[in-house]
Amino acid sequence: MPINVLLVDDSAVMRKMIARTLRLSGVPLGDVVPCADGRQALEVVRQRPMDLALVDINMPVMDGEQLLDHLRDDPRTAAMPVIIVSTESSPVRVQR
């Protein structure tokens, strides 16, 4: 069964690089939906189910931590797996 992936990063270059890596991985992919910030990502998941989210931490408008809080508070997305993909090195933020 193909996996629909929500890809959330404010860097267009990173979104393209991660999407390409996913496609080359051999994982059975459905749609890879790119979003530039957390607010766009929330709009997407309100309209259609996603199987996995790859999320950056540092983004404008709504950062990855805020997005994760919203996803966990919504029963429709509370159990969706989220992988943080970030260059963030703050021990406090990494621990969270």
N, C-alpha and C. Protein backbone atom coordinates (compact mmCIF):
# COMPACT_ATOMS: atom_id res chain seq x y z
N MET A 1 0.85 -1.18 0.00
CA MET A 1 0.00 0.00 0.00
C MET A 1 0.89 1.24 0.00
N PRO A 2 0.67 2.17 -0.92
CA PRO A 2 1.49 3.38 -0.99
C PRO A 2 1.32 4.27 0.24
N ILE A 3 2.40 4.92 0.63
CA ILE A 3 2.42 5.80 1.79
C ILE A 3 2.37 7.25 1.31
N ASN A 4 1.38 7.99 1.81
CA ASN A 4 1.27 9.42 1.51
C ASN A 4 2.06 10.18 2.56
N VAL A 5 3.00 11.02 2.10
CA VAL A 5 3.93 11.71 2.99
C VAL A 5 3.71 13.21 2.94
N LEU A 6 3.58 13.81 4.10
CA LEU A 6 3.52 15.25 4.25
C LEU A 6 4.94 15.72 4.54
N LEU A 7 5.47 16.59 3.69
CA LEU A 7 6.85 17.05 3.79
C LEU A 7 6.84 18.53 4.10
N VAL A 8 7.24 18.89 5.34
CA VAL A 8 7.10 20.26 5.81
C VAL A 8 8.47 20.86 6.12
N ASP A 9 8.88 21.82 5.29
CA ASP A 9 10.17 22.50 5.48
C ASP A 9 10.10 23.83 4.75
N ASP A 10 10.62 24.87 5.35
CA ASP A 10 10.56 26.19 4.71
C ASP A 10 11.57 26.33 3.57
N SER A 11 12.52 25.43 3.46
CA SER A 11 13.51 25.47 2.39
C SER A 11 13.04 24.63 1.20
N ALA A 12 12.84 25.29 0.07
CA ALA A 12 12.43 24.58 -1.14
C ALA A 12 13.49 23.56 -1.55
N VAL A 13 14.75 23.91 -1.36
CA VAL A 13 15.84 22.99 -1.70
C VAL A 13 15.75 21.72 -0.85
N MET A 14 15.52 21.87 0.45
CA MET A 14 15.41 20.70 1.33
C MET A 14 14.19 19.86 0.97
N ARG A 15 13.07 20.51 0.66
CA ARG A 15 11.87 19.76 0.27
C ARG A 15 12.16 18.91 -0.96
N LYS A 16 12.83 19.50 -1.95
CA LYS A 16 13.14 18.75 -3.17
C LYS A 16 14.11 17.61 -2.89
N MET A 17 15.12 17.89 -2.07
CA MET A 17 16.13 16.88 -1.77
C MET A 17 15.51 15.70 -1.00
N ILE A 18 14.68 16.00 -0.01
CA ILE A 18 14.05 14.92 0.77
C ILE A 18 13.07 14.13 -0.10
N ALA A 19 12.28 14.83 -0.91
CA ALA A 19 11.34 14.14 -1.79
C ALA A 19 12.07 13.22 -2.75
N ARG A 20 13.18 13.68 -3.30
CA ARG A 20 13.98 12.85 -4.22
C ARG A 20 14.53 11.63 -3.49
N THR A 21 15.04 11.84 -2.28
CA THR A 21 15.58 10.73 -1.48
C THR A 21 14.48 9.70 -1.20
N LEU A 22 13.29 10.17 -0.87
CA LEU A 22 12.17 9.25 -0.62
C LEU A 22 11.86 8.43 -1.87
N ARG A 23 11.82 9.10 -3.01
CA ARG A 23 11.49 8.39 -4.25
C ARG A 23 12.55 7.35 -4.61
N LEU A 24 13.81 7.64 -4.28
CA LEU A 24 14.90 6.70 -4.58
C LEU A 24 15.03 5.58 -3.55
N SER A 25 14.32 5.70 -2.43
CA SER A 25 14.48 4.76 -1.31
C SER A 25 13.87 3.39 -1.56
N GLY A 26 12.95 3.30 -2.48
CA GLY A 26 12.27 2.03 -2.70
C GLY A 26 11.03 1.86 -1.86
N VAL A 27 10.75 2.81 -0.97
CA VAL A 27 9.53 2.77 -0.17
C VAL A 27 8.35 3.00 -1.11
N PRO A 28 7.28 2.23 -0.96
CA PRO A 28 6.13 2.42 -1.84
C PRO A 28 5.41 3.74 -1.51
N LEU A 29 5.66 4.75 -2.32
CA LEU A 29 5.11 6.07 -2.06
C LEU A 29 3.82 6.31 -2.83
N GLY A 30 2.93 7.02 -2.17
CA GLY A 30 1.77 7.58 -2.84
C GLY A 30 2.14 9.00 -3.19
N ASP A 31 1.43 9.95 -2.59
CA ASP A 31 1.72 11.36 -2.80
C ASP A 31 2.74 11.85 -1.78
N VAL A 32 3.64 12.71 -2.23
CA VAL A 32 4.53 13.45 -1.35
C VAL A 32 4.08 14.90 -1.47
N VAL A 33 3.48 15.41 -0.40
CA VAL A 33 2.87 16.74 -0.43
C VAL A 33 3.79 17.73 0.28
N PRO A 34 4.38 18.67 -0.47
CA PRO A 34 5.29 19.64 0.14
C PRO A 34 4.54 20.83 0.74
N CYS A 35 5.02 21.29 1.90
CA CYS A 35 4.47 22.48 2.56
C CYS A 35 5.63 23.31 3.09
N ALA A 36 5.48 24.64 3.02
CA ALA A 36 6.56 25.53 3.44
C ALA A 36 6.50 25.91 4.91
N ASP A 37 5.39 25.59 5.59
CA ASP A 37 5.28 25.90 7.01
C ASP A 37 4.16 25.08 7.63
N GLY A 38 4.06 25.17 8.95
CA GLY A 38 3.08 24.38 9.68
C GLY A 38 1.64 24.72 9.34
N ARG A 39 1.37 25.97 9.06
CA ARG A 39 -0.01 26.36 8.73
C ARG A 39 -0.46 25.69 7.44
N GLN A 40 0.40 25.68 6.43
CA GLN A 40 0.06 24.99 5.18
C GLN A 40 -0.15 23.50 5.43
N ALA A 41 0.69 22.92 6.26
CA ALA A 41 0.57 21.49 6.57
C ALA A 41 -0.77 21.17 7.23
N LEU A 42 -1.20 22.02 8.15
CA LEU A 42 -2.50 21.80 8.80
C LEU A 42 -3.64 21.87 7.79
N GLU A 43 -3.55 22.78 6.85
CA GLU A 43 -4.58 22.87 5.81
C GLU A 43 -4.65 21.57 5.00
N VAL A 44 -3.49 21.01 4.69
CA VAL A 44 -3.45 19.76 3.92
C VAL A 44 -4.09 18.63 4.71
N VAL A 45 -3.69 18.42 5.97
CA VAL A 45 -4.21 17.27 6.72
C VAL A 45 -5.67 17.42 7.09
N ARG A 46 -6.18 18.63 7.05
CA ARG A 46 -7.62 18.82 7.28
C ARG A 46 -8.43 18.41 6.07
N GLN A 47 -7.79 18.40 4.90
CA GLN A 47 -8.48 18.06 3.66
C GLN A 47 -8.29 16.61 3.24
N ARG A 48 -7.18 16.00 3.67
CA ARG A 48 -6.91 14.62 3.24
C ARG A 48 -6.01 13.92 4.24
N PRO A 49 -6.19 12.63 4.41
CA PRO A 49 -5.34 11.88 5.36
C PRO A 49 -3.93 11.69 4.81
N MET A 50 -2.97 11.76 5.70
CA MET A 50 -1.58 11.50 5.36
C MET A 50 -1.10 10.38 6.27
N ASP A 51 -0.17 9.58 5.79
CA ASP A 51 0.32 8.43 6.54
C ASP A 51 1.54 8.75 7.39
N LEU A 52 2.28 9.78 7.01
CA LEU A 52 3.54 10.11 7.67
C LEU A 52 3.84 11.58 7.43
N ALA A 53 4.44 12.24 8.42
CA ALA A 53 4.89 13.62 8.25
C ALA A 53 6.38 13.70 8.54
N LEU A 54 7.11 14.36 7.65
CA LEU A 54 8.52 14.70 7.86
C LEU A 54 8.54 16.20 8.06
N VAL A 55 9.00 16.64 9.25
CA VAL A 55 8.80 18.03 9.65
C VAL A 55 10.10 18.67 10.13
N ASP A 56 10.36 19.87 9.61
CA ASP A 56 11.46 20.70 10.10
C ASP A 56 10.99 21.39 11.38
N ILE A 57 11.92 21.80 12.22
CA ILE A 57 11.57 22.52 13.46
C ILE A 57 11.48 24.02 13.21
N ASN A 58 12.51 24.59 12.61
CA ASN A 58 12.61 26.04 12.46
C ASN A 58 11.98 26.48 11.14
N MET A 59 10.76 27.05 11.24
CA MET A 59 10.05 27.56 10.06
C MET A 59 9.30 28.82 10.46
N PRO A 60 9.06 29.70 9.49
CA PRO A 60 8.24 30.87 9.78
C PRO A 60 6.76 30.49 9.86
N VAL A 61 5.95 31.41 10.25
CA VAL A 61 4.48 31.29 10.33
C VAL A 61 4.09 30.34 11.45
N MET A 62 4.38 29.07 11.32
CA MET A 62 4.13 28.07 12.38
C MET A 62 5.28 27.08 12.34
N ASP A 63 6.04 26.98 13.44
CA ASP A 63 7.20 26.09 13.44
C ASP A 63 6.79 24.64 13.66
N GLY A 64 7.77 23.76 13.59
CA GLY A 64 7.50 22.33 13.71
C GLY A 64 6.95 21.90 15.05
N GLU A 65 7.40 22.55 16.13
CA GLU A 65 6.87 22.21 17.45
C GLU A 65 5.39 22.58 17.56
N GLN A 66 5.04 23.75 17.05
CA GLN A 66 3.63 24.16 17.07
C GLN A 66 2.78 23.24 16.21
N LEU A 67 3.31 22.88 15.04
CA LEU A 67 2.58 21.95 14.17
C LEU A 67 2.36 20.63 14.88
N LEU A 68 3.39 20.10 15.51
CA LEU A 68 3.26 18.83 16.21
C LEU A 68 2.20 18.91 17.31
N ASP A 69 2.17 20.01 18.04
CA ASP A 69 1.14 20.19 19.07
C ASP A 69 -0.26 20.14 18.46
N HIS A 70 -0.46 20.83 17.33
CA HIS A 70 -1.77 20.83 16.67
C HIS A 70 -2.13 19.43 16.16
N LEU A 71 -1.15 18.74 15.60
CA LEU A 71 -1.42 17.39 15.10
C LEU A 71 -1.82 16.45 16.23
N ARG A 72 -1.15 16.54 17.36
CA ARG A 72 -1.44 15.65 18.49
C ARG A 72 -2.77 16.00 19.16
N ASP A 73 -3.21 17.25 19.05
CA ASP A 73 -4.47 17.67 19.66
C ASP A 73 -5.70 17.29 18.83
N ASP A 74 -5.50 16.95 17.57
CA ASP A 74 -6.61 16.63 16.67
C ASP A 74 -6.75 15.10 16.60
N PRO A 75 -7.91 14.56 16.95
CA PRO A 75 -8.09 13.11 16.93
C PRO A 75 -7.82 12.48 15.55
N ARG A 76 -8.01 13.24 14.48
CA ARG A 76 -7.79 12.71 13.13
C ARG A 76 -6.30 12.51 12.83
N THR A 77 -5.44 13.25 13.52
CA THR A 77 -4.00 13.19 13.22
C THR A 77 -3.15 12.82 14.44
N ALA A 78 -3.80 12.56 15.55
CA ALA A 78 -3.06 12.32 16.81
C ALA A 78 -2.11 11.13 16.72
N ALA A 79 -2.45 10.13 15.94
CA ALA A 79 -1.62 8.93 15.86
C ALA A 79 -0.71 8.91 14.63
N MET A 80 -0.77 9.95 13.81
CA MET A 80 0.07 9.98 12.60
C MET A 80 1.54 10.04 12.99
N PRO A 81 2.37 9.15 12.45
CA PRO A 81 3.80 9.20 12.74
C PRO A 81 4.41 10.50 12.21
N VAL A 82 5.27 11.11 13.02
CA VAL A 82 5.97 12.33 12.64
C VAL A 82 7.46 12.10 12.88
N ILE A 83 8.24 12.39 11.86
CA ILE A 83 9.69 12.33 11.97
C ILE A 83 10.22 13.75 11.82
N ILE A 84 11.00 14.17 12.80
CA ILE A 84 11.59 15.50 12.74
C ILE A 84 12.87 15.41 11.92
N VAL A 85 12.95 16.23 10.88
CA VAL A 85 14.11 16.30 10.01
C VAL A 85 14.62 17.73 10.12
N SER A 86 15.71 17.93 10.87
CA SER A 86 16.14 19.29 11.15
C SER A 86 17.63 19.35 11.46
N THR A 87 18.19 20.51 11.29
CA THR A 87 19.57 20.76 11.70
C THR A 87 19.61 21.37 13.10
N GLU A 88 18.48 21.44 13.76
CA GLU A 88 18.39 22.01 15.12
C GLU A 88 19.35 21.26 16.04
N SER A 89 20.12 22.02 16.81
CA SER A 89 21.09 21.38 17.70
C SER A 89 20.87 21.73 19.18
N SER A 90 19.86 22.53 19.47
CA SER A 90 19.58 22.87 20.86
C SER A 90 19.13 21.63 21.61
N PRO A 91 19.84 21.24 22.68
CA PRO A 91 19.45 20.03 23.43
C PRO A 91 18.01 20.10 23.94
N VAL A 92 17.56 21.26 24.33
CA VAL A 92 16.19 21.40 24.85
C VAL A 92 15.18 21.09 23.75
N ARG A 93 15.38 21.67 22.58
CA ARG A 93 14.44 21.44 21.48
C ARG A 93 14.52 20.00 20.96
N VAL A 94 15.72 19.45 20.91
CA VAL A 94 15.87 18.07 20.47
C VAL A 94 15.16 17.13 21.44
N GLN A 95 15.29 17.34 22.71
CA GLN A 95 14.63 16.52 23.73
C GLN A 95 13.11 16.59 23.59
N ARG A 96 12.58 17.79 23.38
CA ARG A 96 11.13 17.96 23.23
C ARG A 96 10.65 17.12 22.07
